[in-house]
Every structure is written in C-alpha cells, then in structure tokens.
C-alpha atoms as a PDB file:
ATOM      1  CA  MET A   1      78.885 -35.762  -1.141  1.00  0.00           C
ATOM      2  CA  GLN A   2      76.917 -33.712   1.410  1.00  0.00           C
ATOM      3  CA  SER A   3      77.217 -30.590  -0.819  1.00  0.00           C
ATOM      4  CA  ILE A   4      75.802 -32.538  -3.810  1.00  0.00           C
ATOM      5  CA  ARG A   5      72.796 -33.949  -1.888  1.00  0.00           C
ATOM      6  CA  ALA A   6      72.207 -30.199  -0.468  1.00  0.00           C
ATOM      7  CA  ARG A   7      72.275 -28.818  -4.023  1.00  0.00           C
ATOM      8  CA  VAL A   8      69.903 -31.613  -5.224  1.00  0.00           C
ATOM      9  CA  LEU A   9      67.457 -30.871  -2.266  1.00  0.00           C
ATOM     10  CA  ALA A  10      67.530 -27.369  -3.074  1.00  0.00           C
ATOM     11  CA  VAL A  11      66.641 -27.934  -6.674  1.00  0.00           C
ATOM     12  CA  LEU A  12      63.701 -30.187  -5.611  1.00  0.00           C
ATOM     13  CA  VAL A  13      62.478 -27.362  -3.160  1.00  0.00           C
ATOM     14  CA  VAL A  14      62.606 -24.710  -5.865  1.00  0.00           C
ATOM     15  CA  SER A  15      60.803 -27.103  -8.304  1.00  0.00           C
ATOM     16  CA  LEU A  16      58.053 -27.834  -5.840  1.00  0.00           C
ATOM     17  CA  VAL A  17      57.609 -24.245  -4.976  1.00  0.00           C
ATOM     18  CA  SER A  18      57.425 -23.379  -8.752  1.00  0.00           C
ATOM     19  CA  LEU A  19      54.766 -26.008  -9.407  1.00  0.00           C
ATOM     20  CA  ALA A  20      52.653 -24.974  -6.357  1.00  0.00           C
ATOM     21  CA  LEU A  21      53.026 -21.325  -7.493  1.00  0.00           C
ATOM     22  CA  GLY A  22      52.091 -22.497 -11.054  1.00  0.00           C
ATOM     23  CA  ALA A  23      49.150 -24.267  -9.857  1.00  0.00           C
ATOM     24  CA  GLY A  24      47.882 -21.483  -7.676  1.00  0.00           C
ATOM     25  CA  VAL A  25      48.289 -18.865 -10.708  1.00  0.00           C
ATOM     26  CA  ALA A  26      46.260 -21.568 -12.955  1.00  0.00           C
ATOM     27  CA  LEU A  27      43.395 -21.815 -10.302  1.00  0.00           C
ATOM     28  CA  ALA A  28      43.282 -17.877  -9.966  1.00  0.00           C
ATOM     29  CA  ASP A  29      43.097 -17.654 -13.775  1.00  0.00           C
ATOM     30  CA  GLU A  30      40.598 -20.318 -13.948  1.00  0.00           C
ATOM     31  CA  ALA A  31      38.482 -18.490 -11.216  1.00  0.00           C
ATOM     32  CA  SER A  32      38.840 -15.292 -12.863  1.00  0.00           C
ATOM     33  CA  ALA A  33      37.608 -16.787 -16.291  1.00  0.00           C
ATOM     34  CA  HIS A  34      34.587 -18.555 -14.489  1.00  0.00           C
ATOM     35  CA  TYR A  35      33.792 -15.153 -12.695  1.00  0.00           C
ATOM     36  CA  ARG A  36      33.758 -13.199 -15.831  1.00  0.00           C
ATOM     37  CA  GLN A  37      31.588 -15.833 -17.502  1.00  0.00           C
ATOM     38  CA  GLY A  38      29.256 -15.771 -14.621  1.00  0.00           C
ATOM     39  CA  LEU A  39      28.850 -11.980 -14.768  1.00  0.00           C
ATOM     40  CA  ALA A  40      28.152 -12.336 -18.475  1.00  0.00           C
ATOM     41  CA  PHE A  41      25.492 -14.788 -17.815  1.00  0.00           C
ATOM     42  CA  LYS A  42      23.918 -12.725 -15.134  1.00  0.00           C
ATOM     43  CA  GLU A  43      23.764  -9.734 -17.390  1.00  0.00           C
ATOM     44  CA  GLN A  44      21.947 -12.092 -19.997  1.00  0.00           C
ATOM     45  CA  GLY A  45      19.523 -13.111 -17.428  1.00  0.00           C
ATOM     46  CA  LYS A  46      20.615 -16.627 -17.573  1.00  0.00           C
ATOM     47  CA  ILE A  47      20.478 -17.227 -13.791  1.00  0.00           C
ATOM     48  CA  ASP A  48      21.033 -21.059 -13.943  1.00  0.00           C
ATOM     49  CA  GLU A  49      24.068 -20.605 -16.236  1.00  0.00           C
ATOM     50  CA  ALA A  50      25.481 -17.713 -14.041  1.00  0.00           C
ATOM     51  CA  ILE A  51      24.985 -19.747 -10.849  1.00  0.00           C
ATOM     52  CA  SER A  52      27.198 -22.720 -12.356  1.00  0.00           C
ATOM     53  CA  ALA A  53      29.815 -20.314 -13.292  1.00  0.00           C
ATOM     54  CA  PHE A  54      30.002 -18.451  -9.892  1.00  0.00           C
ATOM     55  CA  GLU A  55      29.978 -22.073  -8.131  1.00  0.00           C
ATOM     56  CA  LYS A  56      33.071 -23.074 -10.243  1.00  0.00           C
ATOM     57  CA  THR A  57      34.629 -19.582  -9.298  1.00  0.00           C
ATOM     58  CA  VAL A  58      34.440 -20.388  -5.707  1.00  0.00           C
ATOM     59  CA  ALA A  59      35.372 -24.031  -6.101  1.00  0.00           C
ATOM     60  CA  ALA A  60      38.627 -22.693  -7.619  1.00  0.00           C
ATOM     61  CA  ARG A  61      38.959 -19.767  -5.256  1.00  0.00           C
ATOM     62  CA  PRO A  62      36.965 -20.146  -2.102  1.00  0.00           C
ATOM     63  CA  ASP A  63      37.980 -16.692  -0.686  1.00  0.00           C
ATOM     64  CA  HIS A  64      36.367 -15.016  -3.925  1.00  0.00           C
ATOM     65  CA  ALA A  65      34.074 -12.825  -1.961  1.00  0.00           C
ATOM     66  CA  MET A  66      32.211 -11.182  -4.858  1.00  0.00           C
ATOM     67  CA  ALA A  67      31.487 -14.516  -6.393  1.00  0.00           C
ATOM     68  CA  TRP A  68      30.145 -15.665  -3.132  1.00  0.00           C
ATOM     69  CA  ALA A  69      27.906 -12.204  -3.048  1.00  0.00           C
ATOM     70  CA  SER A  70      26.694 -12.988  -6.613  1.00  0.00           C
ATOM     71  CA  LEU A  71      25.660 -16.476  -5.543  1.00  0.00           C
ATOM     72  CA  GLY A  72      23.852 -15.209  -2.766  1.00  0.00           C
ATOM     73  CA  HIS A  73      21.829 -12.557  -4.956  1.00  0.00           C
ATOM     74  CA  LEU A  74      21.136 -15.265  -7.691  1.00  0.00           C
ATOM     75  CA  TYR A  75      19.940 -17.876  -4.978  1.00  0.00           C
ATOM     76  CA  LYS A  76      17.466 -15.148  -3.651  1.00  0.00           C
ATOM     77  CA  GLN A  77      16.172 -14.851  -7.142  1.00  0.00           C
ATOM     78  CA  LYS A  78      15.497 -18.487  -7.422  1.00  0.00           C
ATOM     79  CA  GLY A  79      13.788 -18.395  -4.044  1.00  0.00           C
ATOM     80  CA  LYS A  80      16.507 -20.722  -2.463  1.00  0.00           C
ATOM     81  CA  HIS A  81      16.688 -18.550   0.750  1.00  0.00           C
ATOM     82  CA  ASP A  82      18.970 -21.016   2.756  1.00  0.00           C
ATOM     83  CA  LYS A  83      21.396 -21.087  -0.013  1.00  0.00           C
ATOM     84  CA  ALA A  84      21.479 -17.264  -0.177  1.00  0.00           C
ATOM     85  CA  VAL A  85      22.141 -17.031   3.372  1.00  0.00           C
ATOM     86  CA  ALA A  86      24.995 -19.501   3.388  1.00  0.00           C
ATOM     87  CA  ALA A  87      26.648 -17.626   0.471  1.00  0.00           C
ATOM     88  CA  TYR A  88      26.167 -14.190   1.928  1.00  0.00           C
ATOM     89  CA  GLU A  89      27.768 -15.683   5.182  1.00  0.00           C
ATOM     90  CA  LYS A  90      30.653 -16.531   3.212  1.00  0.00           C
ATOM     91  CA  ALA A  91      30.839 -13.226   1.664  1.00  0.00           C
ATOM     92  CA  THR A  92      30.791 -11.405   4.772  1.00  0.00           C
ATOM     93  CA  LYS A  93      33.382 -13.563   6.658  1.00  0.00           C
ATOM     94  CA  LEU A  94      35.726 -12.568   3.672  1.00  0.00           C
ATOM     95  CA  SER A  95      34.771  -9.005   3.487  1.00  0.00           C
ATOM     96  CA  ASP A  96      33.726  -8.054   6.993  1.00  0.00           C
ATOM     97  CA  LYS A  97      33.532  -4.179   6.683  1.00  0.00           C
ATOM     98  CA  ASN A  98      31.473  -4.325   3.340  1.00  0.00           C
ATOM     99  CA  ALA A  99      27.857  -2.766   4.744  1.00  0.00           C
ATOM    100  CA  VAL A 100      26.215  -3.773   1.474  1.00  0.00           C
ATOM    101  CA  LEU A 101      27.231  -7.501   1.783  1.00  0.00           C
ATOM    102  CA  TRP A 102      25.822  -7.251   5.646  1.00  0.00           C
ATOM    103  CA  SER A 103      22.700  -5.560   4.376  1.00  0.00           C
ATOM    104  CA  ASN A 104      21.864  -8.349   1.865  1.00  0.00           C
ATOM    105  CA  LEU A 105      22.932 -10.745   4.305  1.00  0.00           C
ATOM    106  CA  GLY A 106      20.292  -9.458   6.808  1.00  0.00           C
ATOM    107  CA  MET A 107      17.454  -9.606   4.248  1.00  0.00           C
ATOM    108  CA  ALA A 108      18.526 -13.041   3.222  1.00  0.00           C
ATOM    109  CA  TYR A 109      18.027 -14.163   6.891  1.00  0.00           C
ATOM    110  CA  TYR A 110      14.606 -12.105   6.973  1.00  0.00           C
ATOM    111  CA  ARG A 111      13.444 -14.000   3.784  1.00  0.00           C
ATOM    112  CA  ALA A 112      14.393 -17.313   5.687  1.00  0.00           C
ATOM    113  CA  ASP A 113      12.266 -16.184   8.615  1.00  0.00           C
ATOM    114  CA  ARG A 114      15.246 -15.801  10.792  1.00  0.00           C
ATOM    115  CA  GLN A 115      14.378 -12.330  12.241  1.00  0.00           C
ATOM    116  CA  ASP A 116      16.801 -12.374  15.025  1.00  0.00           C
ATOM    117  CA  ASP A 117      19.788 -13.052  12.703  1.00  0.00           C
ATOM    118  CA  ALA A 118      18.479 -10.252  10.241  1.00  0.00           C
ATOM    119  CA  LEU A 119      18.445  -7.845  12.950  1.00  0.00           C
ATOM    120  CA  ARG A 120      22.005  -8.611  13.847  1.00  0.00           C
ATOM    121  CA  ALA A 121      23.292  -8.430  10.378  1.00  0.00           C
ATOM    122  CA  LEU A 122      21.346  -5.151   9.528  1.00  0.00           C
ATOM    123  CA  LEU A 123      22.488  -3.478  12.646  1.00  0.00           C
ATOM    124  CA  ARG A 124      26.096  -4.466  11.589  1.00  0.00           C
ATOM    125  CA  SER A 125      25.439  -2.905   8.158  1.00  0.00           C
ATOM    126  CA  TYR A 126      23.962   0.228  10.040  1.00  0.00           C
ATOM    127  CA  ASP A 127      27.066   0.283  12.162  1.00  0.00           C
ATOM    128  CA  LEU A 128      29.414   0.533   9.028  1.00  0.00           C
ATOM    129  CA  ASP A 129      27.156   2.937   7.286  1.00  0.00           C
ATOM    130  CA  PRO A 130      24.529   4.820   9.377  1.00  0.00           C
ATOM    131  CA  LYS A 131      23.418   6.952   6.332  1.00  0.00           C
ATOM    132  CA  ASN A 132      22.098   4.165   4.246  1.00  0.00           C
ATOM    133  CA  SER A 133      18.343   4.831   3.603  1.00  0.00           C
ATOM    134  CA  GLU A 134      17.575   1.277   2.694  1.00  0.00           C
ATOM    135  CA  VAL A 135      19.257  -0.269   5.843  1.00  0.00           C
ATOM    136  CA  ASN A 136      17.498   2.274   8.069  1.00  0.00           C
ATOM    137  CA  GLY A 137      14.004   1.452   6.132  1.00  0.00           C
ATOM    138  CA  ASN A 138      14.607  -2.134   6.608  1.00  0.00           C
ATOM    139  CA  LEU A 139      15.537  -1.957  10.352  1.00  0.00           C
ATOM    140  CA  GLY A 140      12.467   0.178  11.028  1.00  0.00           C
ATOM    141  CA  THR A 141      10.069  -2.381   9.123  1.00  0.00           C
ATOM    142  CA  LEU A 142      11.930  -5.253  11.419  1.00  0.00           C
ATOM    143  CA  TYR A 143      11.642  -3.327  14.626  1.00  0.00           C
ATOM    144  CA  ARG A 144       8.154  -2.541  13.778  1.00  0.00           C
ATOM    145  CA  GLN A 145       7.113  -6.216  13.410  1.00  0.00           C
ATOM    146  CA  LYS A 146       8.905  -6.957  16.477  1.00  0.00           C
ATOM    147  CA  GLY A 147       6.782  -4.403  18.353  1.00  0.00           C
ATOM    148  CA  ASP A 148       9.642  -1.958  19.199  1.00  0.00           C
ATOM    149  CA  ASN A 149       7.585   1.009  17.927  1.00  0.00           C
ATOM    150  CA  ALA A 150      10.445   3.505  19.268  1.00  0.00           C
ATOM    151  CA  LYS A 151      13.215   1.951  17.351  1.00  0.00           C
ATOM    152  CA  ALA A 152      11.001   1.562  14.213  1.00  0.00           C
ATOM    153  CA  ILE A 153      10.070   5.334  14.270  1.00  0.00           C
ATOM    154  CA  LYS A 154      13.794   6.315  14.689  1.00  0.00           C
ATOM    155  CA  HIS A 155      14.935   4.345  11.655  1.00  0.00           C
ATOM    156  CA  LEU A 156      11.933   5.043   9.438  1.00  0.00           C
ATOM    157  CA  ARG A 157      12.330   8.847  10.237  1.00  0.00           C
ATOM    158  CA  ALA A 158      16.057   8.475   9.231  1.00  0.00           C
ATOM    159  CA  ALA A 159      15.187   6.689   6.028  1.00  0.00           C
ATOM    160  CA  VAL A 160      12.538   9.449   5.209  1.00  0.00           C
ATOM    161  CA  SER A 161      14.837  12.120   5.975  1.00  0.00           C
ATOM    162  CA  LEU A 162      17.687  10.465   3.817  1.00  0.00           C
ATOM    163  CA  GLU A 163      14.945   9.800   1.024  1.00  0.00           C
ATOM    164  CA  PRO A 164      11.954  12.331   1.369  1.00  0.00           C
ATOM    165  CA  LYS A 165      10.299  10.908  -1.652  1.00  0.00           C
ATOM    166  CA  ASN A 166      10.414   7.300  -0.927  1.00  0.00           C
ATOM    167  CA  ALA A 167       6.565   6.599  -0.702  1.00  0.00           C
ATOM    168  CA  VAL A 168       7.272   3.007   0.973  1.00  0.00           C
ATOM    169  CA  PHE A 169       9.361   4.579   3.628  1.00  0.00           C
ATOM    170  CA  LEU A 170       6.568   7.040   4.419  1.00  0.00           C
ATOM    171  CA  SER A 171       4.037   4.486   4.374  1.00  0.00           C
ATOM    172  CA  ASN A 172       6.025   2.209   6.670  1.00  0.00           C
ATOM    173  CA  LEU A 173       6.464   5.192   9.119  1.00  0.00           C
ATOM    174  CA  GLY A 174       2.756   5.910   9.103  1.00  0.00           C
ATOM    175  CA  ILE A 175       2.197   2.279  10.206  1.00  0.00           C
ATOM    176  CA  ALA A 176       4.718   2.513  12.941  1.00  0.00           C
ATOM    177  CA  TYR A 177       3.309   5.885  14.095  1.00  0.00           C
ATOM    178  CA  ARG A 178      -0.308   4.121  13.974  1.00  0.00           C
ATOM    179  CA  ASN A 179       1.040   1.303  16.050  1.00  0.00           C
ATOM    180  CA  ASP A 180       2.450   3.666  18.556  1.00  0.00           C
ATOM    181  CA  LYS A 181      -1.112   5.387  18.689  1.00  0.00           C
ATOM    182  CA  GLN A 182       0.350   8.621  17.254  1.00  0.00           C
ATOM    183  CA  TYR A 183      -2.456   9.047  14.807  1.00  0.00           C
ATOM    184  CA  ASP A 184      -1.906  12.534  13.728  1.00  0.00           C
ATOM    185  CA  GLU A 185       1.647  11.881  12.599  1.00  0.00           C
ATOM    186  CA  ALA A 186       0.379   8.483  11.039  1.00  0.00           C
ATOM    187  CA  GLU A 187      -2.030  10.269   8.963  1.00  0.00           C
ATOM    188  CA  LYS A 188       0.595  12.952   7.864  1.00  0.00           C
ATOM    189  CA  ALA A 189       3.148  10.297   6.802  1.00  0.00           C
ATOM    190  CA  LEU A 190       0.517   8.251   4.885  1.00  0.00           C
ATOM    191  CA  LYS A 191      -0.979  11.399   3.090  1.00  0.00           C
ATOM    192  CA  LYS A 192       2.676  12.070   1.785  1.00  0.00           C
ATOM    193  CA  ALA A 193       3.072   8.589   0.614  1.00  0.00           C
ATOM    194  CA  ILE A 194      -0.307   8.816  -1.316  1.00  0.00           C
ATOM    195  CA  ALA A 195       0.675  12.247  -2.751  1.00  0.00           C
ATOM    196  CA  LEU A 196       3.879  10.551  -4.173  1.00  0.00           C
ATOM    197  CA  GLN A 197       1.993   7.089  -5.383  1.00  0.00           C
ATOM    198  CA  PRO A 198      -1.662   7.979  -5.448  1.00  0.00           C
ATOM    199  CA  ARG A 199      -2.466   4.909  -7.212  1.00  0.00           C
ATOM    200  CA  GLU A 200      -1.149   2.386  -4.448  1.00  0.00           C
ATOM    201  CA  ALA A 201      -4.134   0.987  -3.086  1.00  0.00           C
ATOM    202  CA  GLN A 202      -2.370  -0.141   0.254  1.00  0.00           C
ATOM    203  CA  PHE A 203      -1.561   3.415   1.161  1.00  0.00           C
ATOM    204  CA  HIS A 204      -5.105   4.378   1.165  1.00  0.00           C
ATOM    205  CA  PHE A 205      -5.907   1.145   2.952  1.00  0.00           C
ATOM    206  CA  ASN A 206      -3.668   2.094   5.641  1.00  0.00           C
ATOM    207  CA  LEU A 207      -4.885   5.694   5.776  1.00  0.00           C
ATOM    208  CA  GLY A 208      -8.375   4.183   6.181  1.00  0.00           C
ATOM    209  CA  VAL A 209      -7.247   2.189   9.256  1.00  0.00           C
ATOM    210  CA  VAL A 210      -5.881   5.525  10.933  1.00  0.00           C
ATOM    211  CA  HIS A 211      -9.100   7.342  10.312  1.00  0.00           C
ATOM    212  CA  ARG A 212     -11.053   4.458  11.675  1.00  0.00           C
ATOM    213  CA  TYR A 213      -8.675   4.712  14.941  1.00  0.00           C
ATOM    214  CA  GLN A 214      -9.320   8.444  14.908  1.00  0.00           C
ATOM    215  CA  GLU A 215     -13.045   7.616  14.863  1.00  0.00           C
ATOM    216  CA  ASN A 216     -13.378   9.668  11.601  1.00  0.00           C
ATOM    217  CA  TYR A 217     -15.583   7.058   9.915  1.00  0.00           C
ATOM    218  CA  GLU A 218     -16.569   9.111   6.926  1.00  0.00           C
ATOM    219  CA  ALA A 219     -12.741   9.646   6.005  1.00  0.00           C
ATOM    220  CA  ALA A 220     -12.253   5.908   6.735  1.00  0.00           C
ATOM    221  CA  VAL A 221     -14.942   4.948   4.114  1.00  0.00           C
ATOM    222  CA  ALA A 222     -13.458   7.241   1.543  1.00  0.00           C
ATOM    223  CA  ALA A 223      -9.943   5.887   1.962  1.00  0.00           C
ATOM    224  CA  TYR A 224     -11.161   2.363   1.881  1.00  0.00           C
ATOM    225  CA  THR A 225     -13.261   2.955  -1.130  1.00  0.00           C
ATOM    226  CA  GLN A 226     -10.290   4.383  -2.984  1.00  0.00           C
ATOM    227  CA  ALA A 227      -8.469   1.241  -1.965  1.00  0.00           C
ATOM    228  CA  VAL A 228     -11.065  -1.177  -3.580  1.00  0.00           C
ATOM    229  CA  THR A 229     -11.499   1.259  -6.512  1.00  0.00           C
ATOM    230  CA  LEU A 230      -7.884   0.770  -7.297  1.00  0.00           C
ATOM    231  CA  ASP A 231      -7.764  -2.805  -6.359  1.00  0.00           C
ATOM    232  CA  PRO A 232     -11.210  -4.462  -6.666  1.00  0.00           C
ATOM    233  CA  LYS A 233      -9.648  -7.899  -5.342  1.00  0.00           C
ATOM    234  CA  TYR A 234      -8.563  -6.325  -2.175  1.00  0.00           C
ATOM    235  CA  GLU A 235      -9.996  -8.634   0.163  1.00  0.00           C
ATOM    236  CA  LYS A 236      -9.227  -7.036   3.728  1.00  0.00           C
ATOM    237  CA  ALA A 237     -10.118  -3.506   2.110  1.00  0.00           C
ATOM    238  CA  TRP A 238     -13.431  -4.751   1.265  1.00  0.00           C
ATOM    239  CA  TYR A 239     -14.205  -6.219   4.802  1.00  0.00           C
ATOM    240  CA  ASP A 240     -12.903  -2.979   6.348  1.00  0.00           C
ATOM    241  CA  LEU A 241     -15.125  -0.926   4.249  1.00  0.00           C
ATOM    242  CA  GLY A 242     -18.040  -2.835   5.356  1.00  0.00           C
ATOM    243  CA  HIS A 243     -16.854  -2.174   9.058  1.00  0.00           C
ATOM    244  CA  ALA A 244     -16.370   1.588   8.300  1.00  0.00           C
ATOM    245  CA  HIS A 245     -19.841   1.693   6.862  1.00  0.00           C
ATOM    246  CA  ARG A 246     -21.282  -0.055   9.791  1.00  0.00           C
ATOM    247  CA  LEU A 247     -19.374   2.420  12.369  1.00  0.00           C
ATOM    248  CA  ASN A 248     -20.760   5.255  10.127  1.00  0.00           C
ATOM    249  CA  ARG A 249     -24.645   3.749  10.644  1.00  0.00           C
ATOM    250  CA  ASP A 250     -24.758   2.978   6.876  1.00  0.00           C
ATOM    251  CA  ASN A 251     -25.994  -0.584   7.084  1.00  0.00           C
ATOM    252  CA  GLU A 252     -26.974  -1.038   3.492  1.00  0.00           C
ATOM    253  CA  GLN A 253     -23.532   0.033   2.208  1.00  0.00           C
ATOM    254  CA  ALA A 254     -21.928  -2.112   4.896  1.00  0.00           C
ATOM    255  CA  ILE A 255     -23.960  -5.196   3.749  1.00  0.00           C
ATOM    256  CA  GLU A 256     -22.966  -4.716   0.072  1.00  0.00           C
ATOM    257  CA  ALA A 257     -19.307  -4.423   0.965  1.00  0.00           C
ATOM    258  CA  PHE A 258     -19.278  -7.441   3.090  1.00  0.00           C
ATOM    259  CA  ARG A 259     -21.066  -9.462   0.305  1.00  0.00           C
ATOM    260  CA  LYS A 260     -18.293  -8.196  -1.986  1.00  0.00           C
ATOM    261  CA  TYR A 261     -15.643  -9.519   0.499  1.00  0.00           C
ATOM    262  CA  ILE A 262     -17.461 -13.052   0.749  1.00  0.00           C
ATOM    263  CA  SER A 263     -17.455 -13.343  -2.849  1.00  0.00           C
ATOM    264  CA  LEU A 264     -13.715 -13.104  -2.951  1.00  0.00           C
ATOM    265  CA  VAL A 265     -12.846 -15.301   0.008  1.00  0.00           C
ATOM    266  CA  GLU A 266     -15.548 -18.053   0.203  1.00  0.00           C
ATOM    267  CA  ARG A 267     -13.680 -20.439  -1.810  1.00  0.00           C
ATOM    268  CA  LYS A 268     -10.311 -20.263  -0.108  1.00  0.00           C
ATOM    269  CA  ASP A 269     -11.449 -19.233   3.382  1.00  0.00           C
ATOM    270  CA  PRO A 270     -14.896 -20.573   4.314  1.00  0.00           C
ATOM    271  CA  LYS A 271     -14.652 -19.541   7.910  1.00  0.00           C
ATOM    272  CA  ALA A 272     -13.928 -15.913   6.895  1.00  0.00           C
ATOM    273  CA  ALA A 273     -16.900 -15.854   4.713  1.00  0.00           C
ATOM    274  CA  GLN A 274     -19.202 -17.498   7.305  1.00  0.00           C
ATOM    275  CA  ALA A 275     -17.959 -14.604   9.984  1.00  0.00           C
ATOM    276  CA  ALA A 276     -18.922 -12.079   7.215  1.00  0.00           C
ATOM    277  CA  ARG A 277     -22.378 -13.712   6.752  1.00  0.00           C
ATOM    278  CA  GLN A 278     -23.016 -13.437  10.499  1.00  0.00           C
ATOM    279  CA  ASP A 279     -21.942  -9.525  10.262  1.00  0.00           C
ATOM    280  CA  ILE A 280     -24.594  -9.252   7.688  1.00  0.00           C
ATOM    281  CA  GLU A 281     -27.122 -11.079   9.570  1.00  0.00           C
ATOM    282  CA  LYS A 282     -26.719  -8.727  12.496  1.00  0.00           C
ATOM    283  CA  LEU A 283     -27.140  -5.836  10.327  1.00  0.00           C
ATOM    284  CA  GLU A 284     -30.340  -7.025   8.643  1.00  0.00           C
END
C-alpha cells in the first residue's frame, strides 16, 4: 500500500515539475516573441508600439536586461525621464558589469536632474571602461557644472585624447579651462573646435568670452560678431557683443548690438530688456 502511494506521489511530482517547466518555456518563448517584435517596431520608428512590446517582454520575463535597456532608451525619447531611470536601474541590476548600461543610467539621472546619482553611475561606467570617450566627456561636463575644474579638465582631456576630432569635447574642454582661468589653453581648445565645426555659433561665442577675459576686446568683438552672423537670434551673443563693443570704446556699435538684443528678448523677458535699455542710456 505504501509503495503504491509513493509511486502516485512520485508521478504527481513529476507531472507538476513538467507543468512548471512547460510554463517556464512558454513564458520564455512569449518573451522572446515580444522582444523581437519590439526590436522590429523600434527599427521602424514606432516608439509607442515598441514600448508596448518591450513592456510585455519584461512582464513575461522580468530578468530580461536588454528589454529593460530598450525601454530606458525609448522612455528617454518620449521625455519620460523618471521611467527611463527606473528601466535602466532594472537593467544595471541584471547586468552589473555592462559599462554602456551604467553610462545610459548616468545620463538618465542627469536628464532627471539627479546630478549626484548621475555622477555615481557614470563613475561606475568609467571604472568598467576608462577608455570610453563619451563617458569621459560626460563626466568632464558634469564635474565642470559642479565646479570641480580639475576633474573636469582631466576627463575632458582624456575624451579629446580618445577622439581628437570631436569638436564638442574640445569646446567643453575650452570652457573648463576658461572656468579654471587657464585662458590661453581655453583659446587653443576652442580654436581647434572651431576649425572642426566653423559654423557652430556657440563655439565662437565661447571663444568671445575667453577673449573678453583676456582683455582682448577686438578679438572678442570679432568672435561675437561671427556668432550672431551664424545665428542672428543668439540673444546672449548680441548682449555680449554690445558689452565687448562698450569695453572697446565703440559706443555706437554697442548701442546697435544692445538694441538688437532688446528686440529679441523684450516680449519674453521684459526685465532683461529694461536692463539693456539702461545700458544704452549710460552709453548715450
């Protein structure tokens, strides 16, 4: 009798295990199908459909790191920064040694205005892959914004060393040097950036700021003029151009630049426009 019961129990256990395994395989197959569908939608630019497919993927398989990563990327595109953070956090927990995922999480934190968390995640990515130019560039920019010029320069120099023809890295390095009052180095970096992308108005503007700090007002006027020529609606460049003309004792040109600045900002920022009018009154 005992033997019969034991055999029956054994059969039941085997049956339950088989059912569980079968259910697991079915869920895995379902997750794979949703994931492939999500990739296809993503390739076609159908973001909402791709998100839906990847959400079904992680519902069937919560340990699918790449589906979470894809969700993070798509949430970022939709501007849903908190959701992007949550998805990338899931991905990094499942794939802790993936430098790219940590980098993506860092930038998701950054866009969600969580700078300390961004720094922590980017440093984790850097530890895993210190030769990644993008991570070095992002770390440099973040350190610059936090006021740590030494670390900003260190990482931005590394980024430029890895990608010598990346104009954005060079421009950010120039700004870091400028913040550290290394004006000659800042000028060199910004001129290299301009040589690579001569039609980028912001690079000329940044060079104008450096020249102004160097008290080379004629060069500052030339750089600011180039900035507003490339981007006639560059408000701050028009104001700084007026200021540079004033420092260069060219009041007539200063007034003209300030008036252009006022025409661009008076509707959205009346206080700034009024301040510029006061500048003009002093010059007149």
